[in-house]
Amino acid sequence: MDHELRKRGTSAMATAIIDGLTTRYEVIGSGPPLLMYAPAGFDATLEKWRTQGVYAKIRLLDHLPKHYTCIVFDRRECGQSGGRVEHLTWAHYVAQGKGLIEHLGFKRAHIMGGCMGCCPVAAFGVMHPEMVQSMLLYWPVGGAKYRLSSHQRFAEHLGFVQQNGLEAVVALVSKDGKAFGADPRGGPWASVIKSDAAFAASYAKQNVDRYKLIVNATMRTLFDRDTAPGAEPEDLMRVDIPALIVPGRDASHATSAARYLEECLPRAEYWDVPVDGQTEEPTVARVMGFLAKAAA
């Protein structure tokens, strides 16, 4: 991405090859870099910062680009980004974000996550602290109900594969076009099947037993605890990075998961405001204030 384009504060949609996979991204605004892991689970597209639930209400992308170079992107296996059938871990998502920062010529950035996007942000802080100016964790996923629902989603996919085979998965996704979160039967690679015909053809020809092992391993690795996933508590306790935690309060974003991150991160600031009070004006002011202080 051209430096002058960022300096002028324009917006540009583009793609980059990161770790052998296409990443669709957009750079919006000007100022210090802010990498933003999108909300929405397994449909984490860059548009979700404007359209998804609470994020549509607080309109961060109407405000943050006035002061920061906002880097938004489709997480791998989501939207128009590519994917690869492999045992997915939070480190894979970290690698995508790190590669994108480096592709754009930055050495360090503020990093924000919404919803499931908080998990790779936490892992990023553990794995590459020298690249992280600050961490913003908005409505981190977690809690016992979240683990149970996540495992149930994977179980529904595996049941569909067991009964119908991988060709049926491709046929289902090609017909309905729904992401994993909307229709669990399509599985974690549903969005890539939809967007990439070559991937879909290869996917259908896989060994089913080997595929089921990969899916099970992914499920157990990503959703391995009844609190916020992403990194081990002992590792989080050694992260010397300013962090702002904004708690949610529902079955997917348990307040206990946010409190857990507050407990583990030594430099955490916990915004103790009920969900109803997290409206646009106070939220933007809190986020902006935190970013400014973290940069000082």
C-alpha atoms as a PDB file:
ATOM      1  CA  MET A   1       0.000   0.000   0.000  1.00  0.00           C
ATOM      2  CA  ASP A   2       1.457   3.329  -1.080  1.00  0.00           C
ATOM      3  CA  HIS A   3       2.502   5.590   1.802  1.00  0.00           C
ATOM      4  CA  GLU A   4       0.992   8.669   0.137  1.00  0.00           C
ATOM      5  CA  LEU A   5      -2.351   6.909  -0.130  1.00  0.00           C
ATOM      6  CA  ARG A   6      -2.374   6.388   3.628  1.00  0.00           C
ATOM      7  CA  LYS A   7      -1.200   9.935   4.245  1.00  0.00           C
ATOM      8  CA  ARG A   8      -4.047  11.444   2.243  1.00  0.00           C
ATOM      9  CA  GLY A   9      -6.564   9.513   4.305  1.00  0.00           C
ATOM     10  CA  THR A  10      -8.210   7.746   1.397  1.00  0.00           C
ATOM     11  CA  SER A  11      -9.742   4.281   1.413  1.00  0.00           C
ATOM     12  CA  ALA A  12      -8.531   1.436  -0.764  1.00  0.00           C
ATOM     13  CA  MET A  13      -9.791  -2.167  -1.089  1.00  0.00           C
ATOM     14  CA  ALA A  14      -7.069  -4.619  -2.013  1.00  0.00           C
ATOM     15  CA  THR A  15      -5.796  -8.175  -1.636  1.00  0.00           C
ATOM     16  CA  ALA A  16      -2.456  -9.556  -0.494  1.00  0.00           C
ATOM     17  CA  ILE A  17      -0.997 -13.039  -0.334  1.00  0.00           C
ATOM     18  CA  ILE A  18      -0.284 -13.796   3.323  1.00  0.00           C
ATOM     19  CA  ASP A  19       1.072 -17.223   4.287  1.00  0.00           C
ATOM     20  CA  GLY A  20       0.130 -18.492   0.846  1.00  0.00           C
ATOM     21  CA  LEU A  21      -3.499 -17.367   1.141  1.00  0.00           C
ATOM     22  CA  THR A  22      -5.377 -14.398  -0.274  1.00  0.00           C
ATOM     23  CA  THR A  23      -6.327 -11.772   2.296  1.00  0.00           C
ATOM     24  CA  ARG A  24      -8.919  -9.158   1.307  1.00  0.00           C
ATOM     25  CA  TYR A  25      -8.352  -5.925   3.182  1.00  0.00           C
ATOM     26  CA  GLU A  26      -9.089  -2.217   3.231  1.00  0.00           C
ATOM     27  CA  VAL A  27      -7.000   0.666   4.556  1.00  0.00           C
ATOM     28  CA  ILE A  28      -9.084   3.595   5.809  1.00  0.00           C
ATOM     29  CA  GLY A  29      -7.908   6.929   7.164  1.00  0.00           C
ATOM     30  CA  SER A  30      -4.511   8.242   8.209  1.00  0.00           C
ATOM     31  CA  GLY A  31      -2.338   8.307  11.286  1.00  0.00           C
ATOM     32  CA  PRO A  32      -0.778   5.542  13.399  1.00  0.00           C
ATOM     33  CA  PRO A  33      -1.753   2.027  12.244  1.00  0.00           C
ATOM     34  CA  LEU A  34      -4.662   0.195  13.887  1.00  0.00           C
ATOM     35  CA  LEU A  35      -5.164  -3.427  12.820  1.00  0.00           C
ATOM     36  CA  MET A  36      -8.770  -4.527  13.373  1.00  0.00           C
ATOM     37  CA  TYR A  37      -9.789  -8.203  13.683  1.00  0.00           C
ATOM     38  CA  ALA A  38     -13.465  -8.212  12.700  1.00  0.00           C
ATOM     39  CA  PRO A  39     -16.332  -9.554  14.807  1.00  0.00           C
ATOM     40  CA  ALA A  40     -18.848 -12.231  13.752  1.00  0.00           C
ATOM     41  CA  GLY A  41     -17.171 -15.563  14.413  1.00  0.00           C
ATOM     42  CA  PHE A  42     -16.688 -17.614  11.262  1.00  0.00           C
ATOM     43  CA  ASP A  43     -18.112 -14.859   9.073  1.00  0.00           C
ATOM     44  CA  ALA A  44     -15.604 -12.206  10.149  1.00  0.00           C
ATOM     45  CA  THR A  45     -15.573  -9.932   7.115  1.00  0.00           C
ATOM     46  CA  LEU A  46     -14.360  -6.358   7.146  1.00  0.00           C
ATOM     47  CA  GLU A  47     -17.916  -5.119   6.537  1.00  0.00           C
ATOM     48  CA  LYS A  48     -18.979  -6.425   9.962  1.00  0.00           C
ATOM     49  CA  TRP A  49     -17.392  -3.393  11.617  1.00  0.00           C
ATOM     50  CA  ARG A  50     -20.227  -1.384  10.049  1.00  0.00           C
ATOM     51  CA  THR A  51     -23.092  -3.899   9.966  1.00  0.00           C
ATOM     52  CA  GLN A  52     -22.815  -6.250  12.946  1.00  0.00           C
ATOM     53  CA  GLY A  53     -24.933  -5.597  16.034  1.00  0.00           C
ATOM     54  CA  VAL A  54     -23.256  -3.305  18.548  1.00  0.00           C
ATOM     55  CA  TYR A  55     -20.545  -2.275  16.067  1.00  0.00           C
ATOM     56  CA  ALA A  56     -23.134  -0.824  13.698  1.00  0.00           C
ATOM     57  CA  LYS A  57     -24.439   1.287  16.580  1.00  0.00           C
ATOM     58  CA  ILE A  58     -21.131   2.694  17.802  1.00  0.00           C
ATOM     59  CA  ARG A  59     -19.828   3.366  14.242  1.00  0.00           C
ATOM     60  CA  LEU A  60     -16.139   3.116  15.046  1.00  0.00           C
ATOM     61  CA  LEU A  61     -15.163   3.405  11.383  1.00  0.00           C
ATOM     62  CA  ASP A  62     -16.856   6.785  11.209  1.00  0.00           C
ATOM     63  CA  HIS A  63     -14.501   8.072  13.900  1.00  0.00           C
ATOM     64  CA  LEU A  64     -11.252   6.102  14.156  1.00  0.00           C
ATOM     65  CA  PRO A  65     -10.020   6.817  10.589  1.00  0.00           C
ATOM     66  CA  LYS A  66      -9.904  10.541  11.402  1.00  0.00           C
ATOM     67  CA  HIS A  67      -6.931   9.819  13.647  1.00  0.00           C
ATOM     68  CA  TYR A  68      -5.669   6.338  12.714  1.00  0.00           C
ATOM     69  CA  THR A  69      -4.829   4.259   9.664  1.00  0.00           C
ATOM     70  CA  CYS A  70      -7.464   1.565  10.150  1.00  0.00           C
ATOM     71  CA  ILE A  71      -6.604  -1.783   8.577  1.00  0.00           C
ATOM     72  CA  VAL A  72      -9.702  -3.959   8.278  1.00  0.00           C
ATOM     73  CA  PHE A  73      -9.746  -7.353   6.602  1.00  0.00           C
ATOM     74  CA  ASP A  74     -11.614 -10.592   6.022  1.00  0.00           C
ATOM     75  CA  ARG A  75     -10.172 -13.138   8.412  1.00  0.00           C
ATOM     76  CA  ARG A  76      -8.898 -16.255   6.673  1.00  0.00           C
ATOM     77  CA  GLU A  77     -11.711 -18.699   5.842  1.00  0.00           C
ATOM     78  CA  CYS A  78     -14.115 -15.722   5.844  1.00  0.00           C
ATOM     79  CA  GLY A  79     -15.608 -13.556   3.110  1.00  0.00           C
ATOM     80  CA  GLN A  80     -13.285 -13.150   0.136  1.00  0.00           C
ATOM     81  CA  SER A  81     -10.129 -14.241   1.955  1.00  0.00           C
ATOM     82  CA  GLY A  82      -8.720 -17.663   1.189  1.00  0.00           C
ATOM     83  CA  GLY A  83      -8.415 -20.726   3.343  1.00  0.00           C
ATOM     84  CA  ARG A  84      -6.688 -24.054   3.674  1.00  0.00           C
ATOM     85  CA  VAL A  85      -7.930 -27.251   5.295  1.00  0.00           C
ATOM     86  CA  GLU A  86      -5.599 -27.652   8.251  1.00  0.00           C
ATOM     87  CA  HIS A  87      -5.689 -27.832  12.019  1.00  0.00           C
ATOM     88  CA  LEU A  88      -6.525 -24.198  12.773  1.00  0.00           C
ATOM     89  CA  THR A  89      -5.134 -22.527  15.872  1.00  0.00           C
ATOM     90  CA  TRP A  90      -5.175 -18.932  17.075  1.00  0.00           C
ATOM     91  CA  ALA A  91      -1.581 -18.709  15.841  1.00  0.00           C
ATOM     92  CA  HIS A  92      -2.842 -19.071  12.250  1.00  0.00           C
ATOM     93  CA  TYR A  93      -4.972 -15.947  12.663  1.00  0.00           C
ATOM     94  CA  VAL A  94      -2.084 -14.116  14.303  1.00  0.00           C
ATOM     95  CA  ALA A  95       0.106 -14.984  11.323  1.00  0.00           C
ATOM     96  CA  GLN A  96      -2.428 -13.426   8.959  1.00  0.00           C
ATOM     97  CA  GLY A  97      -2.556 -10.152  10.892  1.00  0.00           C
ATOM     98  CA  LYS A  98       1.200 -10.008  11.333  1.00  0.00           C
ATOM     99  CA  GLY A  99       1.733 -10.657   7.647  1.00  0.00           C
ATOM    100  CA  LEU A 100      -0.709  -7.916   6.715  1.00  0.00           C
ATOM    101  CA  ILE A 101       1.014  -5.355   8.977  1.00  0.00           C
ATOM    102  CA  GLU A 102       4.343  -6.247   7.404  1.00  0.00           C
ATOM    103  CA  HIS A 103       2.891  -6.157   3.887  1.00  0.00           C
ATOM    104  CA  LEU A 104       1.784  -2.584   4.507  1.00  0.00           C
ATOM    105  CA  GLY A 105       5.226  -1.590   5.724  1.00  0.00           C
ATOM    106  CA  PHE A 106       4.466  -1.121   9.405  1.00  0.00           C
ATOM    107  CA  LYS A 107       6.627  -2.455  12.219  1.00  0.00           C
ATOM    108  CA  ARG A 108       4.176  -1.832  15.054  1.00  0.00           C
ATOM    109  CA  ALA A 109       0.443  -1.203  15.419  1.00  0.00           C
ATOM    110  CA  HIS A 110      -2.443  -0.861  17.808  1.00  0.00           C
ATOM    111  CA  ILE A 111      -4.483  -4.058  17.510  1.00  0.00           C
ATOM    112  CA  MET A 112      -8.224  -4.302  18.089  1.00  0.00           C
ATOM    113  CA  GLY A 113     -10.594  -7.245  18.068  1.00  0.00           C
ATOM    114  CA  GLY A 114     -14.337  -7.533  18.284  1.00  0.00           C
ATOM    115  CA  CYS A 115     -16.141 -10.675  19.458  1.00  0.00           C
ATOM    116  CA  MET A 116     -14.127 -13.741  18.332  1.00  0.00           C
ATOM    117  CA  GLY A 117     -11.562 -11.292  16.942  1.00  0.00           C
ATOM    118  CA  CYS A 118     -10.405 -10.699  20.537  1.00  0.00           C
ATOM    119  CA  CYS A 119      -8.893 -14.193  20.645  1.00  0.00           C
ATOM    120  CA  PRO A 120      -6.196 -13.593  18.011  1.00  0.00           C
ATOM    121  CA  VAL A 121      -5.516 -10.165  19.526  1.00  0.00           C
ATOM    122  CA  ALA A 122      -4.704 -11.789  22.873  1.00  0.00           C
ATOM    123  CA  ALA A 123      -2.566 -14.396  21.116  1.00  0.00           C
ATOM    124  CA  PHE A 124      -0.834 -11.660  19.090  1.00  0.00           C
ATOM    125  CA  GLY A 125       0.174  -9.859  22.274  1.00  0.00           C
ATOM    126  CA  VAL A 126       1.696 -13.063  23.608  1.00  0.00           C
ATOM    127  CA  MET A 127       3.462 -14.106  20.406  1.00  0.00           C
ATOM    128  CA  HIS A 128       4.720 -10.761  19.052  1.00  0.00           C
ATOM    129  CA  PRO A 129       4.638  -8.155  21.856  1.00  0.00           C
ATOM    130  CA  GLU A 130       7.264  -6.025  20.109  1.00  0.00           C
ATOM    131  CA  MET A 131       4.744  -5.347  17.293  1.00  0.00           C
ATOM    132  CA  VAL A 132       1.807  -4.376  19.530  1.00  0.00           C
ATOM    133  CA  GLN A 133       1.359  -0.761  20.667  1.00  0.00           C
ATOM    134  CA  SER A 134      -1.854  -1.565  22.521  1.00  0.00           C
ATOM    135  CA  MET A 135      -4.697  -4.095  22.566  1.00  0.00           C
ATOM    136  CA  LEU A 136      -8.403  -3.288  22.406  1.00  0.00           C
ATOM    137  CA  LEU A 137     -10.671  -6.193  23.307  1.00  0.00           C
ATOM    138  CA  TYR A 138     -14.287  -5.318  22.522  1.00  0.00           C
ATOM    139  CA  TRP A 139     -16.886  -7.816  23.726  1.00  0.00           C
ATOM    140  CA  PRO A 140     -14.501 -10.792  24.003  1.00  0.00           C
ATOM    141  CA  VAL A 141     -16.187 -14.119  23.381  1.00  0.00           C
ATOM    142  CA  GLY A 142     -16.181 -16.732  26.102  1.00  0.00           C
ATOM    143  CA  GLY A 143     -18.062 -18.466  28.855  1.00  0.00           C
ATOM    144  CA  ALA A 144     -19.417 -21.980  29.330  1.00  0.00           C
ATOM    145  CA  LYS A 145     -22.404 -21.383  27.057  1.00  0.00           C
ATOM    146  CA  TYR A 146     -20.126 -20.138  24.298  1.00  0.00           C
ATOM    147  CA  ARG A 147     -17.938 -23.242  24.494  1.00  0.00           C
ATOM    148  CA  LEU A 148     -20.964 -25.503  24.397  1.00  0.00           C
ATOM    149  CA  SER A 149     -22.539 -23.745  21.416  1.00  0.00           C
ATOM    150  CA  SER A 150     -19.233 -23.721  19.544  1.00  0.00           C
ATOM    151  CA  HIS A 151     -18.745 -27.450  20.068  1.00  0.00           C
ATOM    152  CA  GLN A 152     -22.338 -28.066  19.018  1.00  0.00           C
ATOM    153  CA  ARG A 153     -21.744 -26.201  15.749  1.00  0.00           C
ATOM    154  CA  PHE A 154     -18.754 -28.397  14.922  1.00  0.00           C
ATOM    155  CA  ALA A 155     -20.686 -31.520  15.918  1.00  0.00           C
ATOM    156  CA  GLU A 156     -23.511 -30.630  13.506  1.00  0.00           C
ATOM    157  CA  HIS A 157     -21.014 -30.227  10.700  1.00  0.00           C
ATOM    158  CA  LEU A 158     -19.291 -33.517  11.465  1.00  0.00           C
ATOM    159  CA  GLY A 159     -22.656 -35.278  11.651  1.00  0.00           C
ATOM    160  CA  PHE A 160     -23.600 -33.929   8.225  1.00  0.00           C
ATOM    161  CA  VAL A 161     -20.249 -35.060   6.789  1.00  0.00           C
ATOM    162  CA  GLN A 162     -20.615 -38.512   8.360  1.00  0.00           C
ATOM    163  CA  GLN A 163     -24.053 -39.004   6.862  1.00  0.00           C
ATOM    164  CA  ASN A 164     -23.625 -37.324   3.487  1.00  0.00           C
ATOM    165  CA  GLY A 165     -19.944 -36.909   2.621  1.00  0.00           C
ATOM    166  CA  LEU A 166     -17.874 -33.902   1.556  1.00  0.00           C
ATOM    167  CA  GLU A 167     -19.435 -33.573  -1.883  1.00  0.00           C
ATOM    168  CA  ALA A 168     -22.745 -32.924  -0.127  1.00  0.00           C
ATOM    169  CA  VAL A 169     -21.095 -30.122   1.878  1.00  0.00           C
ATOM    170  CA  VAL A 170     -19.966 -28.479  -1.359  1.00  0.00           C
ATOM    171  CA  ALA A 171     -23.440 -28.912  -2.887  1.00  0.00           C
ATOM    172  CA  LEU A 172     -25.103 -27.406   0.198  1.00  0.00           C
ATOM    173  CA  VAL A 173     -22.818 -24.372   0.343  1.00  0.00           C
ATOM    174  CA  SER A 174     -22.989 -23.830  -3.417  1.00  0.00           C
ATOM    175  CA  LYS A 175     -26.786 -23.815  -3.228  1.00  0.00           C
ATOM    176  CA  ASP A 176     -27.371 -21.767  -0.057  1.00  0.00           C
ATOM    177  CA  GLY A 177     -24.097 -19.833   0.257  1.00  0.00           C
ATOM    178  CA  LYS A 178     -24.272 -19.599   4.045  1.00  0.00           C
ATOM    179  CA  ALA A 179     -21.239 -19.222   6.292  1.00  0.00           C
ATOM    180  CA  PHE A 180     -20.474 -21.670   9.097  1.00  0.00           C
ATOM    181  CA  GLY A 181     -22.144 -19.522  11.734  1.00  0.00           C
ATOM    182  CA  ALA A 182     -25.399 -19.296   9.776  1.00  0.00           C
ATOM    183  CA  ASP A 183     -25.555 -22.990   8.824  1.00  0.00           C
ATOM    184  CA  PRO A 184     -23.218 -25.287  10.791  1.00  0.00           C
ATOM    185  CA  ARG A 185     -23.593 -28.075   8.237  1.00  0.00           C
ATOM    186  CA  GLY A 186     -21.320 -26.179   5.842  1.00  0.00           C
ATOM    187  CA  GLY A 187     -18.357 -26.239   8.213  1.00  0.00           C
ATOM    188  CA  PRO A 188     -15.446 -23.867   8.885  1.00  0.00           C
ATOM    189  CA  TRP A 189     -14.434 -23.691   5.207  1.00  0.00           C
ATOM    190  CA  ALA A 190     -17.911 -22.854   3.858  1.00  0.00           C
ATOM    191  CA  SER A 191     -16.993 -19.303   2.800  1.00  0.00           C
ATOM    192  CA  VAL A 192     -13.959 -20.526   0.843  1.00  0.00           C
ATOM    193  CA  ILE A 193     -16.053 -23.214  -0.847  1.00  0.00           C
ATOM    194  CA  LYS A 194     -18.476 -20.486  -1.894  1.00  0.00           C
ATOM    195  CA  SER A 195     -15.858 -18.083  -3.235  1.00  0.00           C
ATOM    196  CA  ASP A 196     -13.255 -20.421  -4.751  1.00  0.00           C
ATOM    197  CA  ALA A 197     -14.308 -23.123  -7.235  1.00  0.00           C
ATOM    198  CA  ALA A 198     -10.856 -24.725  -7.302  1.00  0.00           C
ATOM    199  CA  PHE A 199     -10.832 -24.987  -3.508  1.00  0.00           C
ATOM    200  CA  ALA A 200     -14.344 -26.474  -3.556  1.00  0.00           C
ATOM    201  CA  ALA A 201     -13.303 -29.148  -6.047  1.00  0.00           C
ATOM    202  CA  SER A 202     -10.249 -30.079  -3.971  1.00  0.00           C
ATOM    203  CA  TYR A 203     -12.262 -30.017  -0.745  1.00  0.00           C
ATOM    204  CA  ALA A 204     -14.764 -32.554  -2.055  1.00  0.00           C
ATOM    205  CA  LYS A 205     -11.996 -35.041  -2.936  1.00  0.00           C
ATOM    206  CA  GLN A 206     -10.374 -35.166   0.496  1.00  0.00           C
ATOM    207  CA  ASN A 207     -10.120 -38.266   2.626  1.00  0.00           C
ATOM    208  CA  VAL A 208     -13.148 -38.030   4.902  1.00  0.00           C
ATOM    209  CA  ASP A 209     -11.561 -39.689   7.927  1.00  0.00           C
ATOM    210  CA  ARG A 210      -8.513 -37.426   7.767  1.00  0.00           C
ATOM    211  CA  TYR A 211     -10.787 -34.401   7.385  1.00  0.00           C
ATOM    212  CA  LYS A 212     -12.807 -35.306  10.478  1.00  0.00           C
ATOM    213  CA  LEU A 213      -9.626 -35.502  12.543  1.00  0.00           C
ATOM    214  CA  ILE A 214      -8.643 -31.993  11.402  1.00  0.00           C
ATOM    215  CA  VAL A 215     -12.086 -30.595  12.277  1.00  0.00           C
ATOM    216  CA  ASN A 216     -12.073 -32.212  15.707  1.00  0.00           C
ATOM    217  CA  ALA A 217      -8.574 -30.929  16.447  1.00  0.00           C
ATOM    218  CA  THR A 218      -9.561 -27.406  15.368  1.00  0.00           C
ATOM    219  CA  MET A 219     -12.648 -27.445  17.585  1.00  0.00           C
ATOM    220  CA  ARG A 220     -10.732 -28.609  20.652  1.00  0.00           C
ATOM    221  CA  THR A 221      -7.907 -26.124  20.131  1.00  0.00           C
ATOM    222  CA  LEU A 222      -9.982 -23.001  19.462  1.00  0.00           C
ATOM    223  CA  PHE A 223     -12.685 -23.632  22.067  1.00  0.00           C
ATOM    224  CA  ASP A 224     -10.825 -25.320  24.883  1.00  0.00           C
ATOM    225  CA  ARG A 225     -12.055 -23.474  27.965  1.00  0.00           C
ATOM    226  CA  ASP A 226     -15.058 -21.967  29.718  1.00  0.00           C
ATOM    227  CA  THR A 227     -13.602 -18.475  29.624  1.00  0.00           C
ATOM    228  CA  ALA A 228     -11.962 -16.304  26.952  1.00  0.00           C
ATOM    229  CA  PRO A 229      -9.958 -18.440  24.476  1.00  0.00           C
ATOM    230  CA  GLY A 230      -6.848 -17.267  22.689  1.00  0.00           C
ATOM    231  CA  ALA A 231      -3.862 -17.611  25.017  1.00  0.00           C
ATOM    232  CA  GLU A 232      -2.817 -19.340  28.205  1.00  0.00           C
ATOM    233  CA  PRO A 233      -3.328 -17.313  31.403  1.00  0.00           C
ATOM    234  CA  GLU A 234       0.319 -17.658  32.442  1.00  0.00           C
ATOM    235  CA  ASP A 235       1.358 -16.171  29.088  1.00  0.00           C
ATOM    236  CA  LEU A 236      -1.151 -13.321  29.323  1.00  0.00           C
ATOM    237  CA  MET A 237       0.191 -12.464  32.765  1.00  0.00           C
ATOM    238  CA  ARG A 238       3.564 -11.695  31.191  1.00  0.00           C
ATOM    239  CA  VAL A 239       2.184  -9.345  28.515  1.00  0.00           C
ATOM    240  CA  ASP A 240       3.438  -5.819  29.238  1.00  0.00           C
ATOM    241  CA  ILE A 241       1.075  -4.048  26.809  1.00  0.00           C
ATOM    242  CA  PRO A 242      -1.718  -1.530  27.567  1.00  0.00           C
ATOM    243  CA  ALA A 243      -5.106  -3.190  27.048  1.00  0.00           C
ATOM    244  CA  LEU A 244      -8.667  -1.901  27.066  1.00  0.00           C
ATOM    245  CA  ILE A 245     -11.431  -4.423  27.740  1.00  0.00           C
ATOM    246  CA  VAL A 246     -15.057  -3.600  26.927  1.00  0.00           C
ATOM    247  CA  PRO A 247     -17.368  -6.306  28.311  1.00  0.00           C
ATOM    248  CA  GLY A 248     -20.368  -7.863  26.643  1.00  0.00           C
ATOM    249  CA  ARG A 249     -23.154  -9.675  28.446  1.00  0.00           C
ATOM    250  CA  ASP A 250     -24.863 -12.521  26.583  1.00  0.00           C
ATOM    251  CA  ALA A 251     -24.476 -16.232  25.834  1.00  0.00           C
ATOM    252  CA  SER A 252     -21.528 -15.700  23.485  1.00  0.00           C
ATOM    253  CA  HIS A 253     -19.826 -12.776  25.226  1.00  0.00           C
ATOM    254  CA  ALA A 254     -19.923 -13.636  28.910  1.00  0.00           C
ATOM    255  CA  THR A 255     -18.949 -10.829  31.258  1.00  0.00           C
ATOM    256  CA  SER A 256     -16.882 -13.404  33.127  1.00  0.00           C
ATOM    257  CA  ALA A 257     -14.659 -13.801  30.034  1.00  0.00           C
ATOM    258  CA  ALA A 258     -13.958 -10.068  30.012  1.00  0.00           C
ATOM    259  CA  ARG A 259     -13.190 -10.113  33.726  1.00  0.00           C
ATOM    260  CA  TYR A 260     -10.826 -13.054  33.160  1.00  0.00           C
ATOM    261  CA  LEU A 261      -8.824 -11.015  30.666  1.00  0.00           C
ATOM    262  CA  GLU A 262      -8.740  -8.128  33.127  1.00  0.00           C
ATOM    263  CA  GLU A 263      -7.381 -10.486  35.769  1.00  0.00           C
ATOM    264  CA  CYS A 264      -4.681 -11.906  33.480  1.00  0.00           C
ATOM    265  CA  LEU A 265      -3.429  -8.813  31.630  1.00  0.00           C
ATOM    266  CA  PRO A 266      -1.210  -6.728  33.951  1.00  0.00           C
ATOM    267  CA  ARG A 267      -1.902  -3.413  32.186  1.00  0.00           C
ATOM    268  CA  ALA A 268      -5.588  -3.918  31.530  1.00  0.00           C
ATOM    269  CA  GLU A 269      -8.182  -1.177  31.819  1.00  0.00           C
ATOM    270  CA  TYR A 270     -11.690  -2.548  32.273  1.00  0.00           C
ATOM    271  CA  TRP A 271     -14.496  -0.265  31.130  1.00  0.00           C
ATOM    272  CA  ASP A 272     -17.087  -1.139  33.722  1.00  0.00           C
ATOM    273  CA  VAL A 273     -20.119   0.146  31.846  1.00  0.00           C
ATOM    274  CA  PRO A 274     -23.308  -1.888  31.227  1.00  0.00           C
ATOM    275  CA  VAL A 275     -24.038  -2.837  27.633  1.00  0.00           C
ATOM    276  CA  ASP A 276     -26.924  -0.354  27.502  1.00  0.00           C
ATOM    277  CA  GLY A 277     -24.508   2.421  28.371  1.00  0.00           C
ATOM    278  CA  GLN A 278     -22.057   1.551  25.601  1.00  0.00           C
ATOM    279  CA  THR A 279     -23.548   3.983  23.110  1.00  0.00           C
ATOM    280  CA  GLU A 280     -21.692   5.750  20.332  1.00  0.00           C
ATOM    281  CA  GLU A 281     -20.501   8.940  21.998  1.00  0.00           C
ATOM    282  CA  PRO A 282     -19.107   7.559  25.288  1.00  0.00           C
ATOM    283  CA  THR A 283     -17.676   4.471  23.579  1.00  0.00           C
ATOM    284  CA  VAL A 284     -15.802   6.436  20.936  1.00  0.00           C
ATOM    285  CA  ALA A 285     -14.493   8.803  23.614  1.00  0.00           C
ATOM    286  CA  ARG A 286     -13.291   5.893  25.766  1.00  0.00           C
ATOM    287  CA  VAL A 287     -11.580   4.127  22.854  1.00  0.00           C
ATOM    288  CA  MET A 288      -9.955   7.341  21.599  1.00  0.00           C
ATOM    289  CA  GLY A 289      -8.762   8.254  25.067  1.00  0.00           C
ATOM    290  CA  PHE A 290      -7.223   4.868  25.589  1.00  0.00           C
ATOM    291  CA  LEU A 291      -5.427   4.904  22.227  1.00  0.00           C
ATOM    292  CA  ALA A 292      -4.028   8.373  22.854  1.00  0.00           C
ATOM    293  CA  LYS A 293      -2.742   7.399  26.284  1.00  0.00           C
ATOM    294  CA  ALA A 294      -1.230   4.144  24.960  1.00  0.00           C
ATOM    295  CA  ALA A 295       0.683   6.092  22.326  1.00  0.00           C
ATOM    296  CA  ALA A 296       2.060   8.653  24.790  1.00  0.00           C
END
